[in-house]
Amino acid sequence: DQTKIADVVPADYVSNAVLACAWD
């Protein structure tokens, strides 16, 4: 469905978020 959300995230953003989560 062209109107529905394609919830995608870049892989390097994910790895950065993982490392920040460990700190938090």
mmCIF file of all heavy atoms, coordinates in Angstrom:
data_MODEL
# 
_entry.id   MODEL 
# 
loop_
_atom_site.group_PDB 
_atom_site.id 
_atom_site.type_symbol 
_atom_site.label_atom_id 
_atom_site.label_alt_id 
_atom_site.label_comp_id 
_atom_site.label_asym_id 
_atom_site.label_entity_id 
_atom_site.label_seq_id 
_atom_site.pdbx_PDB_ins_code 
_atom_site.Cartn_x 
_atom_site.Cartn_y 
_atom_site.Cartn_z 
_atom_site.occupancy 
_atom_site.B_iso_or_equiv 
_atom_site.pdbx_formal_charge 
_atom_site.auth_seq_id 
_atom_site.auth_comp_id 
_atom_site.auth_asym_id 
_atom_site.auth_atom_id 
_atom_site.pdbx_PDB_model_num 
ATOM 1   N N   . ASP A 1 1  ? 0.869  -1.182 0.000  1.00 0.00 ? 1  ASP A N   1 
ATOM 2   C CA  . ASP A 1 1  ? 0.000  0.000  0.000  1.00 0.00 ? 1  ASP A CA  1 
ATOM 3   C C   . ASP A 1 1  ? 0.904  1.230  0.000  1.00 0.00 ? 1  ASP A C   1 
ATOM 4   O O   . ASP A 1 1  ? 1.659  1.455  0.943  1.00 0.00 ? 1  ASP A O   1 
ATOM 5   C CB  . ASP A 1 1  ? -0.896 -0.016 1.247  1.00 0.00 ? 1  ASP A CB  1 
ATOM 6   C CG  . ASP A 1 1  ? -1.937 1.106  1.231  1.00 0.00 ? 1  ASP A CG  1 
ATOM 7   O OD1 . ASP A 1 1  ? -1.701 2.133  0.556  1.00 0.00 ? 1  ASP A OD1 1 
ATOM 8   O OD2 . ASP A 1 1  ? -2.967 0.954  1.901  1.00 0.00 ? 1  ASP A OD2 1 
ATOM 9   N N   . GLN A 1 2  ? 0.829  2.011  -1.071 1.00 0.00 ? 2  GLN A N   1 
ATOM 10  C CA  . GLN A 1 2  ? 1.726  3.155  -1.227 1.00 0.00 ? 2  GLN A CA  1 
ATOM 11  C C   . GLN A 1 2  ? 1.590  4.169  -0.098 1.00 0.00 ? 2  GLN A C   1 
ATOM 12  O O   . GLN A 1 2  ? 2.516  4.930  0.167  1.00 0.00 ? 2  GLN A O   1 
ATOM 13  C CB  . GLN A 1 2  ? 1.458  3.849  -2.561 1.00 0.00 ? 2  GLN A CB  1 
ATOM 14  C CG  . GLN A 1 2  ? 1.741  2.981  -3.777 1.00 0.00 ? 2  GLN A CG  1 
ATOM 15  C CD  . GLN A 1 2  ? 1.699  3.768  -5.069 1.00 0.00 ? 2  GLN A CD  1 
ATOM 16  O OE1 . GLN A 1 2  ? 2.295  4.840  -5.152 1.00 0.00 ? 2  GLN A OE1 1 
ATOM 17  N NE2 . GLN A 1 2  ? 1.021  3.244  -6.077 1.00 0.00 ? 2  GLN A NE2 1 
ATOM 18  N N   . THR A 1 3  ? 0.455  4.178  0.581  1.00 0.00 ? 3  THR A N   1 
ATOM 19  C CA  . THR A 1 3  ? 0.227  5.172  1.631  1.00 0.00 ? 3  THR A CA  1 
ATOM 20  C C   . THR A 1 3  ? 0.712  4.711  3.003  1.00 0.00 ? 3  THR A C   1 
ATOM 21  O O   . THR A 1 3  ? 0.776  5.517  3.933  1.00 0.00 ? 3  THR A O   1 
ATOM 22  C CB  . THR A 1 3  ? -1.269 5.515  1.735  1.00 0.00 ? 3  THR A CB  1 
ATOM 23  O OG1 . THR A 1 3  ? -2.001 4.353  2.180  1.00 0.00 ? 3  THR A OG1 1 
ATOM 24  C CG2 . THR A 1 3  ? -1.817 5.957  0.389  1.00 0.00 ? 3  THR A CG2 1 
ATOM 25  N N   . LYS A 1 4  ? 1.039  3.429  3.140  1.00 0.00 ? 4  LYS A N   1 
ATOM 26  C CA  . LYS A 1 4  ? 1.483  2.905  4.432  1.00 0.00 ? 4  LYS A CA  1 
ATOM 27  C C   . LYS A 1 4  ? 2.966  3.212  4.650  1.00 0.00 ? 4  LYS A C   1 
ATOM 28  O O   . LYS A 1 4  ? 3.722  3.457  3.713  1.00 0.00 ? 4  LYS A O   1 
ATOM 29  C CB  . LYS A 1 4  ? 1.232  1.400  4.528  1.00 0.00 ? 4  LYS A CB  1 
ATOM 30  C CG  . LYS A 1 4  ? -0.226 1.001  4.394  1.00 0.00 ? 4  LYS A CG  1 
ATOM 31  C CD  . LYS A 1 4  ? -1.095 1.644  5.458  1.00 0.00 ? 4  LYS A CD  1 
ATOM 32  C CE  . LYS A 1 4  ? -2.550 1.186  5.354  1.00 0.00 ? 4  LYS A CE  1 
ATOM 33  N NZ  . LYS A 1 4  ? -3.414 1.847  6.341  1.00 0.00 ? 4  LYS A NZ  1 
ATOM 34  N N   . ILE A 1 5  ? 3.368  3.172  5.917  1.00 0.00 ? 5  ILE A N   1 
ATOM 35  C CA  . ILE A 1 5  ? 4.730  3.565  6.287  1.00 0.00 ? 5  ILE A CA  1 
ATOM 36  C C   . ILE A 1 5  ? 5.726  2.433  6.049  1.00 0.00 ? 5  ILE A C   1 
ATOM 37  O O   . ILE A 1 5  ? 5.502  1.288  6.462  1.00 0.00 ? 5  ILE A O   1 
ATOM 38  C CB  . ILE A 1 5  ? 4.796  3.986  7.767  1.00 0.00 ? 5  ILE A CB  1 
ATOM 39  C CG1 . ILE A 1 5  ? 3.899  5.211  8.005  1.00 0.00 ? 5  ILE A CG1 1 
ATOM 40  C CG2 . ILE A 1 5  ? 6.227  4.285  8.197  1.00 0.00 ? 5  ILE A CG2 1 
ATOM 41  C CD1 . ILE A 1 5  ? 4.325  6.446  7.246  1.00 0.00 ? 5  ILE A CD1 1 
ATOM 42  N N   . ALA A 1 6  ? 6.810  2.758  5.365  1.00 0.00 ? 6  ALA A N   1 
ATOM 43  C CA  . ALA A 1 6  ? 7.954  1.843  5.231  1.00 0.00 ? 6  ALA A CA  1 
ATOM 44  C C   . ALA A 1 6  ? 8.928  2.202  6.350  1.00 0.00 ? 6  ALA A C   1 
ATOM 45  O O   . ALA A 1 6  ? 9.731  3.128  6.214  1.00 0.00 ? 6  ALA A O   1 
ATOM 46  C CB  . ALA A 1 6  ? 8.610  2.004  3.864  1.00 0.00 ? 6  ALA A CB  1 
ATOM 47  N N   . ASP A 1 7  ? 8.846  1.491  7.460  1.00 0.00 ? 7  ASP A N   1 
ATOM 48  C CA  . ASP A 1 7  ? 9.636  1.862  8.640  1.00 0.00 ? 7  ASP A CA  1 
ATOM 49  C C   . ASP A 1 7  ? 11.034 1.263  8.532  1.00 0.00 ? 7  ASP A C   1 
ATOM 50  O O   . ASP A 1 7  ? 11.320 0.173  9.021  1.00 0.00 ? 7  ASP A O   1 
ATOM 51  C CB  . ASP A 1 7  ? 8.947  1.380  9.918  1.00 0.00 ? 7  ASP A CB  1 
ATOM 52  C CG  . ASP A 1 7  ? 9.288  2.269  11.100 1.00 0.00 ? 7  ASP A CG  1 
ATOM 53  O OD1 . ASP A 1 7  ? 10.468 2.642  11.219 1.00 0.00 ? 7  ASP A OD1 1 
ATOM 54  O OD2 . ASP A 1 7  ? 8.389  2.612  11.881 1.00 0.00 ? 7  ASP A OD2 1 
ATOM 55  N N   . VAL A 1 8  ? 11.920 1.998  7.867  1.00 0.00 ? 8  VAL A N   1 
ATOM 56  C CA  . VAL A 1 8  ? 13.288 1.538  7.641  1.00 0.00 ? 8  VAL A CA  1 
ATOM 57  C C   . VAL A 1 8  ? 14.273 2.438  8.377  1.00 0.00 ? 8  VAL A C   1 
ATOM 58  O O   . VAL A 1 8  ? 14.013 3.624  8.580  1.00 0.00 ? 8  VAL A O   1 
ATOM 59  C CB  . VAL A 1 8  ? 13.624 1.500  6.127  1.00 0.00 ? 8  VAL A CB  1 
ATOM 60  C CG1 . VAL A 1 8  ? 12.781 0.454  5.412  1.00 0.00 ? 8  VAL A CG1 1 
ATOM 61  C CG2 . VAL A 1 8  ? 13.412 2.871  5.482  1.00 0.00 ? 8  VAL A CG2 1 
ATOM 62  N N   . VAL A 1 9  ? 15.400 1.865  8.781  1.00 0.00 ? 9  VAL A N   1 
ATOM 63  C CA  . VAL A 1 9  ? 16.445 2.625  9.475  1.00 0.00 ? 9  VAL A CA  1 
ATOM 64  C C   . VAL A 1 9  ? 17.815 2.196  8.953  1.00 0.00 ? 9  VAL A C   1 
ATOM 65  O O   . VAL A 1 9  ? 18.042 1.013  8.698  1.00 0.00 ? 9  VAL A O   1 
ATOM 66  C CB  . VAL A 1 9  ? 16.377 2.418  11.010 1.00 0.00 ? 9  VAL A CB  1 
ATOM 67  C CG1 . VAL A 1 9  ? 15.188 3.149  11.599 1.00 0.00 ? 9  VAL A CG1 1 
ATOM 68  C CG2 . VAL A 1 9  ? 16.308 0.933  11.366 1.00 0.00 ? 9  VAL A CG2 1 
ATOM 69  N N   . PRO A 1 10 ? 18.747 3.136  8.769  1.00 0.00 ? 10 PRO A N   1 
ATOM 70  C CA  . PRO A 1 10 ? 20.091 2.792  8.290  1.00 0.00 ? 10 PRO A CA  1 
ATOM 71  C C   . PRO A 1 10 ? 20.865 1.974  9.322  1.00 0.00 ? 10 PRO A C   1 
ATOM 72  O O   . PRO A 1 10 ? 20.759 2.206  10.531 1.00 0.00 ? 10 PRO A O   1 
ATOM 73  C CB  . PRO A 1 10 ? 20.755 4.162  8.064  1.00 0.00 ? 10 PRO A CB  1 
ATOM 74  C CG  . PRO A 1 10 ? 19.637 5.132  7.997  1.00 0.00 ? 10 PRO A CG  1 
ATOM 75  C CD  . PRO A 1 10 ? 18.563 4.594  8.884  1.00 0.00 ? 10 PRO A CD  1 
ATOM 76  N N   . ALA A 1 11 ? 21.652 1.043  8.841  1.00 0.00 ? 11 ALA A N   1 
ATOM 77  C CA  . ALA A 1 11 ? 22.355 0.106  9.722  1.00 0.00 ? 11 ALA A CA  1 
ATOM 78  C C   . ALA A 1 11 ? 23.366 0.791  10.635 1.00 0.00 ? 11 ALA A C   1 
ATOM 79  O O   . ALA A 1 11 ? 23.529 0.384  11.795 1.00 0.00 ? 11 ALA A O   1 
ATOM 80  C CB  . ALA A 1 11 ? 23.051 -0.960 8.879  1.00 0.00 ? 11 ALA A CB  1 
ATOM 81  N N   . ASP A 1 12 ? 24.066 1.825  10.137 1.00 0.00 ? 12 ASP A N   1 
ATOM 82  C CA  . ASP A 1 12 ? 25.055 2.485  10.995 1.00 0.00 ? 12 ASP A CA  1 
ATOM 83  C C   . ASP A 1 12 ? 24.369 3.274  12.106 1.00 0.00 ? 12 ASP A C   1 
ATOM 84  O O   . ASP A 1 12 ? 24.910 3.390  13.210 1.00 0.00 ? 12 ASP A O   1 
ATOM 85  C CB  . ASP A 1 12 ? 25.992 3.391  10.181 1.00 0.00 ? 12 ASP A CB  1 
ATOM 86  C CG  . ASP A 1 12 ? 25.266 4.395  9.309  1.00 0.00 ? 12 ASP A CG  1 
ATOM 87  O OD1 . ASP A 1 12 ? 24.134 4.110  8.890  1.00 0.00 ? 12 ASP A OD1 1 
ATOM 88  O OD2 . ASP A 1 12 ? 25.829 5.479  9.027  1.00 0.00 ? 12 ASP A OD2 1 
ATOM 89  N N   . TYR A 1 13 ? 23.181 3.791  11.847 1.00 0.00 ? 13 TYR A N   1 
ATOM 90  C CA  . TYR A 1 13 ? 22.411 4.452  12.908 1.00 0.00 ? 13 TYR A CA  1 
ATOM 91  C C   . TYR A 1 13 ? 22.041 3.438  13.995 1.00 0.00 ? 13 TYR A C   1 
ATOM 92  O O   . TYR A 1 13 ? 22.045 3.759  15.185 1.00 0.00 ? 13 TYR A O   1 
ATOM 93  C CB  . TYR A 1 13 ? 21.143 5.085  12.335 1.00 0.00 ? 13 TYR A CB  1 
ATOM 94  C CG  . TYR A 1 13 ? 21.342 6.431  11.665 1.00 0.00 ? 13 TYR A CG  1 
ATOM 95  C CD1 . TYR A 1 13 ? 22.446 6.678  10.856 1.00 0.00 ? 13 TYR A CD1 1 
ATOM 96  C CD2 . TYR A 1 13 ? 20.421 7.458  11.829 1.00 0.00 ? 13 TYR A CD2 1 
ATOM 97  C CE1 . TYR A 1 13 ? 22.621 7.905  10.244 1.00 0.00 ? 13 TYR A CE1 1 
ATOM 98  C CE2 . TYR A 1 13 ? 20.583 8.692  11.210 1.00 0.00 ? 13 TYR A CE2 1 
ATOM 99  C CZ  . TYR A 1 13 ? 21.698 8.910  10.420 1.00 0.00 ? 13 TYR A CZ  1 
ATOM 100 O OH  . TYR A 1 13 ? 21.878 10.133 9.816  1.00 0.00 ? 13 TYR A OH  1 
ATOM 101 N N   . VAL A 1 14 ? 21.716 2.209  13.572 1.00 0.00 ? 14 VAL A N   1 
ATOM 102 C CA  . VAL A 1 14 ? 21.355 1.166  14.531 1.00 0.00 ? 14 VAL A CA  1 
ATOM 103 C C   . VAL A 1 14 ? 22.550 0.804  15.408 1.00 0.00 ? 14 VAL A C   1 
ATOM 104 O O   . VAL A 1 14 ? 22.433 0.716  16.634 1.00 0.00 ? 14 VAL A O   1 
ATOM 105 C CB  . VAL A 1 14 ? 20.822 -0.081 13.809 1.00 0.00 ? 14 VAL A CB  1 
ATOM 106 C CG1 . VAL A 1 14 ? 20.591 -1.225 14.799 1.00 0.00 ? 14 VAL A CG1 1 
ATOM 107 C CG2 . VAL A 1 14 ? 19.526 0.234  13.067 1.00 0.00 ? 14 VAL A CG2 1 
ATOM 108 N N   . SER A 1 15 ? 23.717 0.603  14.796 1.00 0.00 ? 15 SER A N   1 
ATOM 109 C CA  . SER A 1 15 ? 24.899 0.228  15.586 1.00 0.00 ? 15 SER A CA  1 
ATOM 110 C C   . SER A 1 15 ? 25.278 1.344  16.559 1.00 0.00 ? 15 SER A C   1 
ATOM 111 O O   . SER A 1 15 ? 25.657 1.076  17.706 1.00 0.00 ? 15 SER A O   1 
ATOM 112 C CB  . SER A 1 15 ? 26.079 -0.113 14.662 1.00 0.00 ? 15 SER A CB  1 
ATOM 113 O OG  . SER A 1 15 ? 26.476 1.000  13.883 1.00 0.00 ? 15 SER A OG  1 
ATOM 114 N N   . ASN A 1 16 ? 25.171 2.579  16.119 1.00 0.00 ? 16 ASN A N   1 
ATOM 115 C CA  . ASN A 1 16 ? 25.436 3.706  17.025 1.00 0.00 ? 16 ASN A CA  1 
ATOM 116 C C   . ASN A 1 16 ? 24.445 3.736  18.181 1.00 0.00 ? 16 ASN A C   1 
ATOM 117 O O   . ASN A 1 16 ? 24.812 3.988  19.336 1.00 0.00 ? 16 ASN A O   1 
ATOM 118 C CB  . ASN A 1 16 ? 25.371 5.029  16.259 1.00 0.00 ? 16 ASN A CB  1 
ATOM 119 C CG  . ASN A 1 16 ? 26.587 5.253  15.385 1.00 0.00 ? 16 ASN A CG  1 
ATOM 120 O OD1 . ASN A 1 16 ? 27.641 4.673  15.599 1.00 0.00 ? 16 ASN A OD1 1 
ATOM 121 N ND2 . ASN A 1 16 ? 26.451 6.101  14.383 1.00 0.00 ? 16 ASN A ND2 1 
ATOM 122 N N   . ALA A 1 17 ? 23.180 3.475  17.867 1.00 0.00 ? 17 ALA A N   1 
ATOM 123 C CA  . ALA A 1 17 ? 22.153 3.468  18.909 1.00 0.00 ? 17 ALA A CA  1 
ATOM 124 C C   . ALA A 1 17 ? 22.396 2.349  19.917 1.00 0.00 ? 17 ALA A C   1 
ATOM 125 O O   . ALA A 1 17 ? 22.198 2.535  21.122 1.00 0.00 ? 17 ALA A O   1 
ATOM 126 C CB  . ALA A 1 17 ? 20.763 3.314  18.277 1.00 0.00 ? 17 ALA A CB  1 
ATOM 127 N N   . VAL A 1 18 ? 22.841 1.201  19.450 1.00 0.00 ? 18 VAL A N   1 
ATOM 128 C CA  . VAL A 1 18 ? 23.140 0.077  20.345 1.00 0.00 ? 18 VAL A CA  1 
ATOM 129 C C   . VAL A 1 18 ? 24.225 0.459  21.346 1.00 0.00 ? 18 VAL A C   1 
ATOM 130 O O   . VAL A 1 18 ? 24.101 0.224  22.558 1.00 0.00 ? 18 VAL A O   1 
ATOM 131 C CB  . VAL A 1 18 ? 23.574 -1.168 19.537 1.00 0.00 ? 18 VAL A CB  1 
ATOM 132 C CG1 . VAL A 1 18 ? 24.166 -2.236 20.460 1.00 0.00 ? 18 VAL A CG1 1 
ATOM 133 C CG2 . VAL A 1 18 ? 22.393 -1.740 18.757 1.00 0.00 ? 18 VAL A CG2 1 
ATOM 134 N N   . LEU A 1 19 ? 25.290 1.073  20.852 1.00 0.00 ? 19 LEU A N   1 
ATOM 135 C CA  . LEU A 1 19 ? 26.398 1.450  21.732 1.00 0.00 ? 19 LEU A CA  1 
ATOM 136 C C   . LEU A 1 19 ? 25.981 2.549  22.713 1.00 0.00 ? 19 LEU A C   1 
ATOM 137 O O   . LEU A 1 19 ? 26.429 2.566  23.867 1.00 0.00 ? 19 LEU A O   1 
ATOM 138 C CB  . LEU A 1 19 ? 27.597 1.897  20.899 1.00 0.00 ? 19 LEU A CB  1 
ATOM 139 C CG  . LEU A 1 19 ? 28.187 0.807  19.991 1.00 0.00 ? 19 LEU A CG  1 
ATOM 140 C CD1 . LEU A 1 19 ? 29.351 1.347  19.178 1.00 0.00 ? 19 LEU A CD1 1 
ATOM 141 C CD2 . LEU A 1 19 ? 28.635 -0.396 20.799 1.00 0.00 ? 19 LEU A CD2 1 
ATOM 142 N N   . ALA A 1 20 ? 25.120 3.452  22.260 1.00 0.00 ? 20 ALA A N   1 
ATOM 143 C CA  . ALA A 1 20 ? 24.615 4.490  23.164 1.00 0.00 ? 20 ALA A CA  1 
ATOM 144 C C   . ALA A 1 20 ? 23.672 3.886  24.207 1.00 0.00 ? 20 ALA A C   1 
ATOM 145 O O   . ALA A 1 20 ? 23.663 4.318  25.367 1.00 0.00 ? 20 ALA A O   1 
ATOM 146 C CB  . ALA A 1 20 ? 23.903 5.582  22.364 1.00 0.00 ? 20 ALA A CB  1 
ATOM 147 N N   . CYS A 1 21 ? 22.896 2.896  23.819 1.00 0.00 ? 21 CYS A N   1 
ATOM 148 C CA  . CYS A 1 21 ? 21.984 2.234  24.759 1.00 0.00 ? 21 CYS A CA  1 
ATOM 149 C C   . CYS A 1 21 ? 22.760 1.563  25.890 1.00 0.00 ? 21 CYS A C   1 
ATOM 150 O O   . CYS A 1 21 ? 22.337 1.615  27.055 1.00 0.00 ? 21 CYS A O   1 
ATOM 151 C CB  . CYS A 1 21 ? 21.134 1.192  24.034 1.00 0.00 ? 21 CYS A CB  1 
ATOM 152 S SG  . CYS A 1 21 ? 19.778 1.893  23.075 1.00 0.00 ? 21 CYS A SG  1 
ATOM 153 N N   . ALA A 1 22 ? 23.865 0.926  25.565 1.00 0.00 ? 22 ALA A N   1 
ATOM 154 C CA  . ALA A 1 22 ? 24.678 0.274  26.600 1.00 0.00 ? 22 ALA A CA  1 
ATOM 155 C C   . ALA A 1 22 ? 25.115 1.292  27.647 1.00 0.00 ? 22 ALA A C   1 
ATOM 156 O O   . ALA A 1 22 ? 25.088 1.009  28.859 1.00 0.00 ? 22 ALA A O   1 
ATOM 157 C CB  . ALA A 1 22 ? 25.886 -0.399 25.964 1.00 0.00 ? 22 ALA A CB  1 
ATOM 158 N N   . TRP A 1 23 ? 25.524 2.448  27.185 1.00 0.00 ? 23 TRP A N   1 
ATOM 159 C CA  . TRP A 1 23 ? 25.926 3.541  28.084 1.00 0.00 ? 23 TRP A CA  1 
ATOM 160 C C   . TRP A 1 23 ? 24.756 4.002  28.943 1.00 0.00 ? 23 TRP A C   1 
ATOM 161 O O   . TRP A 1 23 ? 24.878 4.183  30.157 1.00 0.00 ? 23 TRP A O   1 
ATOM 162 C CB  . TRP A 1 23 ? 26.480 4.685  27.233 1.00 0.00 ? 23 TRP A CB  1 
ATOM 163 C CG  . TRP A 1 23 ? 26.684 5.996  27.918 1.00 0.00 ? 23 TRP A CG  1 
ATOM 164 C CD1 . TRP A 1 23 ? 27.686 6.349  28.764 1.00 0.00 ? 23 TRP A CD1 1 
ATOM 165 C CD2 . TRP A 1 23 ? 25.850 7.167  27.780 1.00 0.00 ? 23 TRP A CD2 1 
ATOM 166 N NE1 . TRP A 1 23 ? 27.545 7.662  29.169 1.00 0.00 ? 23 TRP A NE1 1 
ATOM 167 C CE2 . TRP A 1 23 ? 26.432 8.191  28.579 1.00 0.00 ? 23 TRP A CE2 1 
ATOM 168 C CE3 . TRP A 1 23 ? 24.696 7.446  27.056 1.00 0.00 ? 23 TRP A CE3 1 
ATOM 169 C CZ2 . TRP A 1 23 ? 25.864 9.461  28.669 1.00 0.00 ? 23 TRP A CZ2 1 
ATOM 170 C CZ3 . TRP A 1 23 ? 24.127 8.715  27.141 1.00 0.00 ? 23 TRP A CZ3 1 
ATOM 171 C CH2 . TRP A 1 23 ? 24.714 9.707  27.945 1.00 0.00 ? 23 TRP A CH2 1 
ATOM 172 N N   . ASP A 1 24 ? 23.582 4.176  28.317 1.00 0.00 ? 24 ASP A N   1 
ATOM 173 C CA  . ASP A 1 24 ? 22.416 4.671  29.037 1.00 0.00 ? 24 ASP A CA  1 
ATOM 174 C C   . ASP A 1 24 ? 21.878 3.640  30.035 1.00 0.00 ? 24 ASP A C   1 
ATOM 175 O O   . ASP A 1 24 ? 21.460 3.992  31.140 1.00 0.00 ? 24 ASP A O   1 
ATOM 176 C CB  . ASP A 1 24 ? 21.317 5.042  28.038 1.00 0.00 ? 24 ASP A CB  1 
ATOM 177 C CG  . ASP A 1 24 ? 20.183 5.822  28.675 1.00 0.00 ? 24 ASP A CG  1 
ATOM 178 O OD1 . ASP A 1 24 ? 20.477 6.776  29.417 1.00 0.00 ? 24 ASP A OD1 1 
ATOM 179 O OD2 . ASP A 1 24 ? 19.006 5.476  28.442 1.00 0.00 ? 24 ASP A OD2 1 
# 
